[in-house]
PDB file of all heavy atoms in Angstrom:
ATOM      1  N   GLY A   1       0.822  -1.206   0.000  1.00  0.00           N
ATOM      2  CA  GLY A   1       0.000   0.000   0.000  1.00  0.00           C
ATOM      3  C   GLY A   1       0.856   1.256   0.000  1.00  0.00           C
ATOM      4  O   GLY A   1       1.882   1.309   0.679  1.00  0.00           O
ATOM      5  N   VAL A   2       0.454   2.243  -0.802  1.00  0.00           N
ATOM      6  CA  VAL A   2       1.050   3.580  -0.789  1.00  0.00           C
ATOM      7  C   VAL A   2      -0.108   4.566  -0.773  1.00  0.00           C
ATOM      8  O   VAL A   2      -0.954   4.534  -1.667  1.00  0.00           O
ATOM      9  CB  VAL A   2       1.945   3.836  -2.022  1.00  0.00           C
ATOM     10  CG1 VAL A   2       2.490   5.257  -1.992  1.00  0.00           C
ATOM     11  CG2 VAL A   2       3.088   2.826  -2.088  1.00  0.00           C
ATOM     12  N   ASN A   3      -0.187   5.408   0.240  1.00  0.00           N
ATOM     13  CA  ASN A   3      -1.356   6.280   0.358  1.00  0.00           C
ATOM     14  C   ASN A   3      -1.280   7.460  -0.603  1.00  0.00           C
ATOM     15  O   ASN A   3      -0.210   7.810  -1.116  1.00  0.00           O
ATOM     16  CB  ASN A   3      -1.536   6.765   1.808  1.00  0.00           C
ATOM     17  CG  ASN A   3      -0.420   7.685   2.262  1.00  0.00           C
ATOM     18  OD1 ASN A   3       0.661   7.728   1.686  1.00  0.00           O
ATOM     19  ND2 ASN A   3      -0.678   8.434   3.323  1.00  0.00           N
ATOM     20  N   SER A   4      -2.433   8.065  -0.862  1.00  0.00           N
ATOM     21  CA  SER A   4      -2.511   9.148  -1.835  1.00  0.00           C
ATOM     22  C   SER A   4      -1.791  10.399  -1.365  1.00  0.00           C
ATOM     23  O   SER A   4      -1.356  11.214  -2.184  1.00  0.00           O
ATOM     24  CB  SER A   4      -3.983   9.473  -2.141  1.00  0.00           C
ATOM     25  OG  SER A   4      -4.676   9.839  -0.952  1.00  0.00           O
ATOM     26  N   GLU A   5      -1.649  10.571  -0.056  1.00  0.00           N
ATOM     27  CA  GLU A   5      -0.900  11.724   0.467  1.00  0.00           C
ATOM     28  C   GLU A   5       0.606  11.549   0.285  1.00  0.00           C
ATOM     29  O   GLU A   5       1.369  12.491   0.452  1.00  0.00           O
ATOM     30  CB  GLU A   5      -1.213  11.920   1.959  1.00  0.00           C
ATOM     31  CG  GLU A   5      -2.636  12.358   2.264  1.00  0.00           C
ATOM     32  CD  GLU A   5      -3.622  11.204   2.245  1.00  0.00           C
ATOM     33  OE1 GLU A   5      -3.166  10.026   2.188  1.00  0.00           O
ATOM     34  OE2 GLU A   5      -4.843  11.452   2.267  1.00  0.00           O
ATOM     35  N   PHE A   6       1.002  10.346  -0.053  1.00  0.00           N
ATOM     36  CA  PHE A   6       2.399  10.001  -0.291  1.00  0.00           C
ATOM     37  C   PHE A   6       3.275  10.278   0.929  1.00  0.00           C
ATOM     38  O   PHE A   6       4.261  10.996   0.867  1.00  0.00           O
ATOM     39  CB  PHE A   6       2.947  10.739  -1.510  1.00  0.00           C
ATOM     40  CG  PHE A   6       4.213  10.118  -2.061  1.00  0.00           C
ATOM     41  CD1 PHE A   6       4.253   8.773  -2.374  1.00  0.00           C
ATOM     42  CD2 PHE A   6       5.348  10.885  -2.264  1.00  0.00           C
ATOM     43  CE1 PHE A   6       5.421   8.200  -2.879  1.00  0.00           C
ATOM     44  CE2 PHE A   6       6.510  10.315  -2.767  1.00  0.00           C
ATOM     45  CZ  PHE A   6       6.556   8.968  -3.069  1.00  0.00           C
ATOM     46  N   ASP A   7       2.875   9.657   2.057  1.00  0.00           N
ATOM     47  CA  ASP A   7       3.727   9.712   3.240  1.00  0.00           C
ATOM     48  C   ASP A   7       3.692   8.392   4.020  1.00  0.00           C
ATOM     49  O   ASP A   7       4.241   8.308   5.111  1.00  0.00           O
ATOM     50  CB  ASP A   7       3.346  10.885   4.157  1.00  0.00           C
ATOM     51  CG  ASP A   7       1.912  10.814   4.681  1.00  0.00           C
ATOM     52  OD1 ASP A   7       1.214   9.812   4.406  1.00  0.00           O
ATOM     53  OD2 ASP A   7       1.495  11.776   5.352  1.00  0.00           O
ATOM     54  N   GLN A   8       3.065   7.361   3.427  1.00  0.00           N
ATOM     55  CA  GLN A   8       3.005   6.063   4.085  1.00  0.00           C
ATOM     56  C   GLN A   8       3.132   4.926   3.065  1.00  0.00           C
ATOM     57  O   GLN A   8       2.549   4.993   1.981  1.00  0.00           O
ATOM     58  CB  GLN A   8       1.689   5.872   4.849  1.00  0.00           C
ATOM     59  CG  GLN A   8       1.528   6.756   6.071  1.00  0.00           C
ATOM     60  CD  GLN A   8       0.243   6.462   6.819  1.00  0.00           C
ATOM     61  OE1 GLN A   8      -0.407   5.427   6.588  1.00  0.00           O
ATOM     62  NE2 GLN A   8      -0.150   7.349   7.702  1.00  0.00           N
ATOM     63  N   VAL A   9       3.881   3.914   3.452  1.00  0.00           N
ATOM     64  CA  VAL A   9       3.957   2.652   2.706  1.00  0.00           C
ATOM     65  C   VAL A   9       3.571   1.537   3.663  1.00  0.00           C
ATOM     66  O   VAL A   9       3.939   1.560   4.837  1.00  0.00           O
ATOM     67  CB  VAL A   9       5.376   2.405   2.156  1.00  0.00           C
ATOM     68  CG1 VAL A   9       5.511   0.986   1.604  1.00  0.00           C
ATOM     69  CG2 VAL A   9       5.719   3.413   1.071  1.00  0.00           C
ATOM     70  N   ARG A  10       2.823   0.552   3.162  1.00  0.00           N
ATOM     71  CA  ARG A  10       2.410  -0.577   3.997  1.00  0.00           C
ATOM     72  C   ARG A  10       3.006  -1.870   3.458  1.00  0.00           C
ATOM     73  O   ARG A  10       2.997  -2.111   2.248  1.00  0.00           O
ATOM     74  CB  ARG A  10       0.881  -0.680   4.038  1.00  0.00           C
ATOM     75  CG  ARG A  10       0.351  -1.945   4.721  1.00  0.00           C
ATOM     76  CD  ARG A  10      -1.168  -1.869   4.937  1.00  0.00           C
ATOM     77  NE  ARG A  10      -1.914  -1.543   3.743  1.00  0.00           N
ATOM     78  CZ  ARG A  10      -2.388  -2.431   2.870  1.00  0.00           C
ATOM     79  NH1 ARG A  10      -2.178  -3.723   3.061  1.00  0.00           N
ATOM     80  NH2 ARG A  10      -3.079  -2.046   1.816  1.00  0.00           N
ATOM     81  N   VAL A  11       3.514  -2.695   4.376  1.00  0.00           N
ATOM     82  CA  VAL A  11       3.947  -4.046   4.036  1.00  0.00           C
ATOM     83  C   VAL A  11       3.327  -5.002   5.052  1.00  0.00           C
ATOM     84  O   VAL A  11       2.891  -4.584   6.129  1.00  0.00           O
ATOM     85  CB  VAL A  11       5.484  -4.183   4.030  1.00  0.00           C
ATOM     86  CG1 VAL A  11       6.112  -3.210   3.051  1.00  0.00           C
ATOM     87  CG2 VAL A  11       6.067  -3.974   5.426  1.00  0.00           C
ATOM     88  N   HIS A  12       3.288  -6.277   4.715  1.00  0.00           N
ATOM     89  CA  HIS A  12       2.741  -7.291   5.607  1.00  0.00           C
ATOM     90  C   HIS A  12       3.876  -8.152   6.162  1.00  0.00           C
ATOM     91  O   HIS A  12       4.911  -8.307   5.520  1.00  0.00           O
ATOM     92  CB  HIS A  12       1.720  -8.172   4.876  1.00  0.00           C
ATOM     93  CG  HIS A  12       0.499  -7.422   4.462  1.00  0.00           C
ATOM     94  ND1 HIS A  12      -0.473  -7.969   3.633  1.00  0.00           N
ATOM     95  CD2 HIS A  12       0.068  -6.167   4.759  1.00  0.00           C
ATOM     96  CE1 HIS A  12      -1.436  -7.077   3.437  1.00  0.00           C
ATOM     97  NE2 HIS A  12      -1.125  -5.981   4.105  1.00  0.00           N
ATOM     98  N   SER A  13       3.639  -8.715   7.351  1.00  0.00           N
ATOM     99  CA  SER A  13       4.704  -9.464   8.000  1.00  0.00           C
ATOM    100  C   SER A  13       4.131 -10.441   9.017  1.00  0.00           C
ATOM    101  O   SER A  13       3.049 -10.226   9.573  1.00  0.00           O
ATOM    102  CB  SER A  13       5.662  -8.488   8.698  1.00  0.00           C
ATOM    103  OG  SER A  13       6.672  -9.159   9.400  1.00  0.00           O
ATOM    104  N   ASP A  14       4.880 -11.505   9.276  1.00  0.00           N
ATOM    105  CA  ASP A  14       4.559 -12.434  10.353  1.00  0.00           C
ATOM    106  C   ASP A  14       5.003 -11.785  11.661  1.00  0.00           C
ATOM    107  O   ASP A  14       6.169 -11.377  11.796  1.00  0.00           O
ATOM    108  CB  ASP A  14       5.305 -13.756  10.132  1.00  0.00           C
ATOM    109  CG  ASP A  14       4.824 -14.874  11.054  1.00  0.00           C
ATOM    110  OD1 ASP A  14       4.741 -14.632  12.275  1.00  0.00           O
ATOM    111  OD2 ASP A  14       4.552 -15.981  10.559  1.00  0.00           O
ATOM    112  N   GLN A  15       4.083 -11.651  12.602  1.00  0.00           N
ATOM    113  CA  GLN A  15       4.431 -10.936  13.826  1.00  0.00           C
ATOM    114  C   GLN A  15       5.469 -11.671  14.672  1.00  0.00           C
ATOM    115  O   GLN A  15       6.056 -11.090  15.583  1.00  0.00           O
ATOM    116  CB  GLN A  15       3.192 -10.640  14.668  1.00  0.00           C
ATOM    117  CG  GLN A  15       2.495 -11.830  15.268  1.00  0.00           C
ATOM    118  CD  GLN A  15       1.492 -11.377  16.313  1.00  0.00           C
ATOM    119  OE1 GLN A  15       1.765 -10.522  17.145  1.00  0.00           O
ATOM    120  NE2 GLN A  15       0.292 -11.928  16.263  1.00  0.00           N
ATOM    121  N   ARG A  16       5.742 -12.937  14.359  1.00  0.00           N
ATOM    122  CA  ARG A  16       6.783 -13.683  15.060  1.00  0.00           C
ATOM    123  C   ARG A  16       8.167 -13.450  14.467  1.00  0.00           C
ATOM    124  O   ARG A  16       9.171 -13.947  15.006  1.00  0.00           O
ATOM    125  CB  ARG A  16       6.457 -15.179  15.016  1.00  0.00           C
ATOM    126  CG  ARG A  16       5.125 -15.569  15.620  1.00  0.00           C
ATOM    127  CD  ARG A  16       4.762 -17.007  15.258  1.00  0.00           C
ATOM    128  NE  ARG A  16       4.559 -17.167  13.819  1.00  0.00           N
ATOM    129  CZ  ARG A  16       4.324 -18.324  13.220  1.00  0.00           C
ATOM    130  NH1 ARG A  16       4.266 -19.442  13.945  1.00  0.00           N
ATOM    131  NH2 ARG A  16       4.152 -18.390  11.910  1.00  0.00           N
ATOM    132  N   SER A  17       8.252 -12.725  13.372  1.00  0.00           N
ATOM    133  CA  SER A  17       9.506 -12.581  12.644  1.00  0.00           C
ATOM    134  C   SER A  17      10.504 -11.698  13.391  1.00  0.00           C
ATOM    135  O   SER A  17      10.143 -10.827  14.188  1.00  0.00           O
ATOM    136  CB  SER A  17       9.247 -11.981  11.255  1.00  0.00           C
ATOM    137  OG  SER A  17       8.819 -10.636  11.371  1.00  0.00           O
ATOM    138  N   LEU A  18      11.777 -11.928  13.094  1.00  0.00           N
ATOM    139  CA  LEU A  18      12.831 -11.089  13.652  1.00  0.00           C
ATOM    140  C   LEU A  18      12.697  -9.658  13.154  1.00  0.00           C
ATOM    141  O   LEU A  18      13.019  -8.704  13.881  1.00  0.00           O
ATOM    142  CB  LEU A  18      14.195 -11.665  13.276  1.00  0.00           C
ATOM    143  CG  LEU A  18      15.424 -10.970  13.867  1.00  0.00           C
ATOM    144  CD1 LEU A  18      15.386 -10.976  15.386  1.00  0.00           C
ATOM    145  CD2 LEU A  18      16.698 -11.636  13.355  1.00  0.00           C
ATOM    146  N   LYS A  19      12.205  -9.502  11.942  1.00  0.00           N
ATOM    147  CA  LYS A  19      11.971  -8.166  11.392  1.00  0.00           C
ATOM    148  C   LYS A  19      11.076  -7.338  12.304  1.00  0.00           C
ATOM    149  O   LYS A  19      11.373  -6.178  12.601  1.00  0.00           O
ATOM    150  CB  LYS A  19      11.360  -8.292   9.991  1.00  0.00           C
ATOM    151  CG  LYS A  19      10.852  -6.986   9.397  1.00  0.00           C
ATOM    152  CD  LYS A  19      10.490  -7.141   7.946  1.00  0.00           C
ATOM    153  CE  LYS A  19       9.194  -7.892   7.704  1.00  0.00           C
ATOM    154  NZ  LYS A  19       9.367  -9.329   7.535  1.00  0.00           N
ATOM    155  N   ASN A  20       9.980  -7.932  12.758  1.00  0.00           N
ATOM    156  CA  ASN A  20       9.073  -7.210  13.648  1.00  0.00           C
ATOM    157  C   ASN A  20       9.749  -6.845  14.962  1.00  0.00           C
ATOM    158  O   ASN A  20       9.567  -5.738  15.486  1.00  0.00           O
ATOM    159  CB  ASN A  20       7.823  -8.044  13.913  1.00  0.00           C
ATOM    160  CG  ASN A  20       6.819  -7.969  12.782  1.00  0.00           C
ATOM    161  OD1 ASN A  20       7.207  -7.880  11.624  1.00  0.00           O
ATOM    162  ND2 ASN A  20       5.544  -8.028  13.097  1.00  0.00           N
ATOM    163  N   GLN A  21      10.537  -7.771  15.507  1.00  0.00           N
ATOM    164  CA  GLN A  21      11.257  -7.470  16.740  1.00  0.00           C
ATOM    165  C   GLN A  21      12.204  -6.293  16.544  1.00  0.00           C
ATOM    166  O   GLN A  21      12.306  -5.408  17.409  1.00  0.00           O
ATOM    167  CB  GLN A  21      12.044  -8.705  17.191  1.00  0.00           C
ATOM    168  CG  GLN A  21      11.191  -9.901  17.558  1.00  0.00           C
ATOM    169  CD  GLN A  21      12.041 -11.102  17.919  1.00  0.00           C
ATOM    170  OE1 GLN A  21      13.062 -10.977  18.587  1.00  0.00           O
ATOM    171  NE2 GLN A  21      11.628 -12.281  17.467  1.00  0.00           N
ATOM    172  N   GLN A  22      12.887  -6.288  15.410  1.00  0.00           N
ATOM    173  CA  GLN A  22      13.813  -5.197  15.120  1.00  0.00           C
ATOM    174  C   GLN A  22      13.087  -3.856  15.037  1.00  0.00           C
ATOM    175  O   GLN A  22      13.520  -2.857  15.616  1.00  0.00           O
ATOM    176  CB  GLN A  22      14.550  -5.468  13.809  1.00  0.00           C
ATOM    177  CG  GLN A  22      15.509  -6.631  13.854  1.00  0.00           C
ATOM    178  CD  GLN A  22      16.122  -6.907  12.496  1.00  0.00           C
ATOM    179  OE1 GLN A  22      15.788  -6.242  11.499  1.00  0.00           O
ATOM    180  NE2 GLN A  22      17.010  -7.886  12.429  1.00  0.00           N
ATOM    181  N   LEU A  23      11.964  -3.854  14.311  1.00  0.00           N
ATOM    182  CA  LEU A  23      11.250  -2.599  14.091  1.00  0.00           C
ATOM    183  C   LEU A  23      10.586  -2.083  15.359  1.00  0.00           C
ATOM    184  O   LEU A  23      10.377  -0.877  15.514  1.00  0.00           O
ATOM    185  CB  LEU A  23      10.208  -2.781  12.986  1.00  0.00           C
ATOM    186  CG  LEU A  23      10.777  -3.120  11.605  1.00  0.00           C
ATOM    187  CD1 LEU A  23       9.660  -3.304  10.594  1.00  0.00           C
ATOM    188  CD2 LEU A  23      11.744  -2.038  11.139  1.00  0.00           C
ATOM    189  N   GLN A  24      10.248  -2.968  16.259  1.00  0.00           N
ATOM    190  CA  GLN A  24       9.672  -2.520  17.523  1.00  0.00           C
ATOM    191  C   GLN A  24      10.733  -1.912  18.431  1.00  0.00           C
ATOM    192  O   GLN A  24      10.424  -1.083  19.284  1.00  0.00           O
ATOM    193  CB  GLN A  24       8.965  -3.693  18.206  1.00  0.00           C
ATOM    194  CG  GLN A  24       7.653  -4.056  17.513  1.00  0.00           C
ATOM    195  CD  GLN A  24       7.065  -5.384  17.973  1.00  0.00           C
ATOM    196  OE1 GLN A  24       7.780  -6.257  18.462  1.00  0.00           O
ATOM    197  NE2 GLN A  24       5.763  -5.545  17.824  1.00  0.00           N
ATOM    198  N   GLN A  25      11.992  -2.293  18.218  1.00  0.00           N
ATOM    199  CA  GLN A  25      13.073  -1.727  19.021  1.00  0.00           C
ATOM    200  C   GLN A  25      13.709  -0.517  18.363  1.00  0.00           C
ATOM    201  O   GLN A  25      14.027   0.473  19.018  1.00  0.00           O
ATOM    202  CB  GLN A  25      14.148  -2.788  19.282  1.00  0.00           C
ATOM    203  CG  GLN A  25      15.333  -2.270  20.102  1.00  0.00           C
ATOM    204  CD  GLN A  25      16.239  -3.388  20.555  1.00  0.00           C
ATOM    205  OE1 GLN A  25      15.778  -4.378  21.101  1.00  0.00           O
ATOM    206  NE2 GLN A  25      17.542  -3.236  20.331  1.00  0.00           N
ATOM    207  N   HIS A  26      13.929  -0.616  17.022  1.00  0.00           N
ATOM    208  CA  HIS A  26      14.530   0.484  16.259  1.00  0.00           C
ATOM    209  C   HIS A  26      13.550   0.871  15.157  1.00  0.00           C
ATOM    210  O   HIS A  26      13.424   0.152  14.164  1.00  0.00           O
ATOM    211  CB  HIS A  26      15.860   0.054  15.635  1.00  0.00           C
ATOM    212  CG  HIS A  26      16.883  -0.410  16.615  1.00  0.00           C
ATOM    213  ND1 HIS A  26      17.538   0.452  17.473  1.00  0.00           N
ATOM    214  CD2 HIS A  26      17.374  -1.646  16.876  1.00  0.00           C
ATOM    215  CE1 HIS A  26      18.391  -0.238  18.214  1.00  0.00           C
ATOM    216  NE2 HIS A  26      18.305  -1.507  17.886  1.00  0.00           N
ATOM    217  N   LYS A  27      12.892   1.986  15.281  1.00  0.00           N
ATOM    218  CA  LYS A  27      11.830   2.371  14.344  1.00  0.00           C
ATOM    219  C   LYS A  27      12.349   2.991  13.058  1.00  0.00           C
ATOM    220  O   LYS A  27      11.636   3.044  12.056  1.00  0.00           O
ATOM    221  CB  LYS A  27      10.849   3.325  15.033  1.00  0.00           C
ATOM    222  CG  LYS A  27      10.051   2.684  16.158  1.00  0.00           C
ATOM    223  CD  LYS A  27       9.016   3.650  16.714  1.00  0.00           C
ATOM    224  CE  LYS A  27       8.180   2.990  17.795  1.00  0.00           C
ATOM    225  NZ  LYS A  27       7.378   1.860  17.253  1.00  0.00           N
ATOM    226  N   ASP A  28      13.574   3.482  13.039  1.00  0.00           N
ATOM    227  CA  ASP A  28      14.111   4.121  11.844  1.00  0.00           C
ATOM    228  C   ASP A  28      14.336   3.087  10.744  1.00  0.00           C
ATOM    229  O   ASP A  28      14.995   2.064  10.962  1.00  0.00           O
ATOM    230  CB  ASP A  28      15.425   4.831  12.163  1.00  0.00           C
ATOM    231  CG  ASP A  28      15.225   6.037  13.066  1.00  0.00           C
ATOM    232  OD1 ASP A  28      14.233   6.755  12.865  1.00  0.00           O
ATOM    233  OD2 ASP A  28      16.048   6.243  13.973  1.00  0.00           O
ATOM    234  N   VAL A  29      13.792   3.346   9.555  1.00  0.00           N
ATOM    235  CA  VAL A  29      13.901   2.406   8.441  1.00  0.00           C
ATOM    236  C   VAL A  29      14.146   3.156   7.134  1.00  0.00           C
ATOM    237  O   VAL A  29      13.977   4.376   7.047  1.00  0.00           O
ATOM    238  CB  VAL A  29      12.627   1.546   8.288  1.00  0.00           C
ATOM    239  CG1 VAL A  29      12.418   0.659   9.498  1.00  0.00           C
ATOM    240  CG2 VAL A  29      11.405   2.417   8.048  1.00  0.00           C
ATOM    241  N   ALA A  30      14.541   2.403   6.124  1.00  0.00           N
ATOM    242  CA  ALA A  30      14.690   2.932   4.771  1.00  0.00           C
ATOM    243  C   ALA A  30      14.111   1.931   3.791  1.00  0.00           C
ATOM    244  O   ALA A  30      14.146   0.713   4.032  1.00  0.00           O
ATOM    245  CB  ALA A  30      16.156   3.209   4.452  1.00  0.00           C
ATOM    246  N   LEU A  31      13.559   2.428   2.693  1.00  0.00           N
ATOM    247  CA  LEU A  31      13.028   1.597   1.615  1.00  0.00           C
ATOM    248  C   LEU A  31      13.759   1.940   0.325  1.00  0.00           C
ATOM    249  O   LEU A  31      14.025   3.113   0.045  1.00  0.00           O
ATOM    250  CB  LEU A  31      11.529   1.841   1.425  1.00  0.00           C
ATOM    251  CG  LEU A  31      10.579   1.389   2.538  1.00  0.00           C
ATOM    252  CD1 LEU A  31       9.185   1.898   2.264  1.00  0.00           C
ATOM    253  CD2 LEU A  31      10.577  -0.128   2.662  1.00  0.00           C
ATOM    254  N   LEU A  32      14.066   0.913  -0.456  1.00  0.00           N
ATOM    255  CA  LEU A  32      14.728   1.110  -1.737  1.00  0.00           C
ATOM    256  C   LEU A  32      13.936   0.414  -2.829  1.00  0.00           C
ATOM    257  O   LEU A  32      13.705  -0.800  -2.766  1.00  0.00           O
ATOM    258  CB  LEU A  32      16.152   0.547  -1.698  1.00  0.00           C
ATOM    259  CG  LEU A  32      16.892   0.491  -3.037  1.00  0.00           C
ATOM    260  CD1 LEU A  32      17.129   1.888  -3.590  1.00  0.00           C
ATOM    261  CD2 LEU A  32      18.208  -0.270  -2.894  1.00  0.00           C
ATOM    262  N   TYR A  33      13.502   1.179  -3.827  1.00  0.00           N
ATOM    263  CA  TYR A  33      12.827   0.654  -5.007  1.00  0.00           C
ATOM    264  C   TYR A  33      13.732   0.900  -6.216  1.00  0.00           C
ATOM    265  O   TYR A  33      14.363   1.962  -6.324  1.00  0.00           O
ATOM    266  CB  TYR A  33      11.505   1.377  -5.267  1.00  0.00           C
ATOM    267  CG  TYR A  33      10.441   1.235  -4.203  1.00  0.00           C
ATOM    268  CD1 TYR A  33      10.479   2.006  -3.039  1.00  0.00           C
ATOM    269  CD2 TYR A  33       9.359   0.375  -4.379  1.00  0.00           C
ATOM    270  CE1 TYR A  33       9.478   1.902  -2.076  1.00  0.00           C
ATOM    271  CE2 TYR A  33       8.365   0.266  -3.428  1.00  0.00           C
ATOM    272  CZ  TYR A  33       8.432   1.033  -2.280  1.00  0.00           C
ATOM    273  OH  TYR A  33       7.433   0.932  -1.330  1.00  0.00           O
ATOM    274  N   TYR A  34      13.759  -0.059  -7.144  1.00  0.00           N
ATOM    275  CA  TYR A  34      14.496   0.177  -8.389  1.00  0.00           C
ATOM    276  C   TYR A  34      13.776  -0.491  -9.547  1.00  0.00           C
ATOM    277  O   TYR A  34      13.395  -1.666  -9.463  1.00  0.00           O
ATOM    278  CB  TYR A  34      15.938  -0.335  -8.322  1.00  0.00           C
ATOM    279  CG  TYR A  34      16.688  -0.026  -9.600  1.00  0.00           C
ATOM    280  CD1 TYR A  34      16.950   1.308  -9.951  1.00  0.00           C
ATOM    281  CD2 TYR A  34      17.080  -1.031 -10.475  1.00  0.00           C
ATOM    282  CE1 TYR A  34      17.601   1.612 -11.134  1.00  0.00           C
ATOM    283  CE2 TYR A  34      17.734  -0.734 -11.656  1.00  0.00           C
ATOM    284  CZ  TYR A  34      17.993   0.599 -11.982  1.00  0.00           C
ATOM    285  OH  TYR A  34      18.622   0.907 -13.158  1.00  0.00           O
ATOM    286  N   SER A  35      13.600   0.262 -10.615  1.00  0.00           N
ATOM    287  CA  SER A  35      12.991  -0.247 -11.839  1.00  0.00           C
ATOM    288  C   SER A  35      14.026  -0.215 -12.955  1.00  0.00           C
ATOM    289  O   SER A  35      14.350   0.858 -13.477  1.00  0.00           O
ATOM    290  CB  SER A  35      11.785   0.618 -12.233  1.00  0.00           C
ATOM    291  OG  SER A  35      11.335   0.283 -13.535  1.00  0.00           O
ATOM    292  N   PRO A  36      14.585  -1.379 -13.338  1.00  0.00           N
ATOM    293  CA  PRO A  36      15.565  -1.375 -14.429  1.00  0.00           C
ATOM    294  C   PRO A  36      14.973  -0.958 -15.763  1.00  0.00           C
ATOM    295  O   PRO A  36      15.673  -0.386 -16.599  1.00  0.00           O
ATOM    296  CB  PRO A  36      16.064  -2.829 -14.458  1.00  0.00           C
ATOM    297  CG  PRO A  36      15.011  -3.625 -13.774  1.00  0.00           C
ATOM    298  CD  PRO A  36      14.388  -2.719 -12.759  1.00  0.00           C
ATOM    299  N   GLN A  37      13.691  -1.261 -15.978  1.00  0.00           N
ATOM    300  CA  GLN A  37      13.053  -0.873 -17.231  1.00  0.00           C
ATOM    301  C   GLN A  37      12.962   0.644 -17.373  1.00  0.00           C
ATOM    302  O   GLN A  37      13.087   1.194 -18.464  1.00  0.00           O
ATOM    303  CB  GLN A  37      11.647  -1.479 -17.326  1.00  0.00           C
ATOM    304  CG  GLN A  37      11.638  -2.988 -17.419  1.00  0.00           C
ATOM    305  CD  GLN A  37      11.598  -3.657 -16.058  1.00  0.00           C
ATOM    306  OE1 GLN A  37      11.903  -3.039 -15.031  1.00  0.00           O
ATOM    307  NE2 GLN A  37      11.228  -4.927 -16.037  1.00  0.00           N
ATOM    308  N   GLN A  38      12.731   1.317 -16.259  1.00  0.00           N
ATOM    309  CA  GLN A  38      12.562   2.774 -16.277  1.00  0.00           C
ATOM    310  C   GLN A  38      13.814   3.506 -15.823  1.00  0.00           C
ATOM    311  O   GLN A  38      13.839   4.735 -15.838  1.00  0.00           O
ATOM    312  CB  GLN A  38      11.381   3.158 -15.385  1.00  0.00           C
ATOM    313  CG  GLN A  38      10.048   2.590 -15.844  1.00  0.00           C
ATOM    314  CD  GLN A  38       9.017   2.593 -14.725  1.00  0.00           C
ATOM    315  OE1 GLN A  38       9.224   2.025 -13.658  1.00  0.00           O
ATOM    316  NE2 GLN A  38       7.900   3.255 -14.960  1.00  0.00           N
ATOM    317  N   LYS A  39      14.838   2.764 -15.404  1.00  0.00           N
ATOM    318  CA  LYS A  39      16.080   3.353 -14.878  1.00  0.00           C
ATOM    319  C   LYS A  39      15.774   4.319 -13.742  1.00  0.00           C
ATOM    320  O   LYS A  39      16.377   5.385 -13.624  1.00  0.00           O
ATOM    321  CB  LYS A  39      16.843   4.085 -15.991  1.00  0.00           C
ATOM    322  CG  LYS A  39      17.158   3.236 -17.205  1.00  0.00           C
ATOM    323  CD  LYS A  39      18.105   2.091 -16.863  1.00  0.00           C
ATOM    324  CE  LYS A  39      18.478   1.307 -18.106  1.00  0.00           C
ATOM    325  NZ  LYS A  39      19.307   0.114 -17.789  1.00  0.00           N
TER     326      LYS A  39
END
């Protein structure tokens, strides 16, 4: 999900995952998208 205001991205996750544990402790994150077709 990407909202129309363009300030939120949504992903899904298993709440038992290490990823969730990490994000609950360290909230700072980065996202990287790349489209080779569009460069």
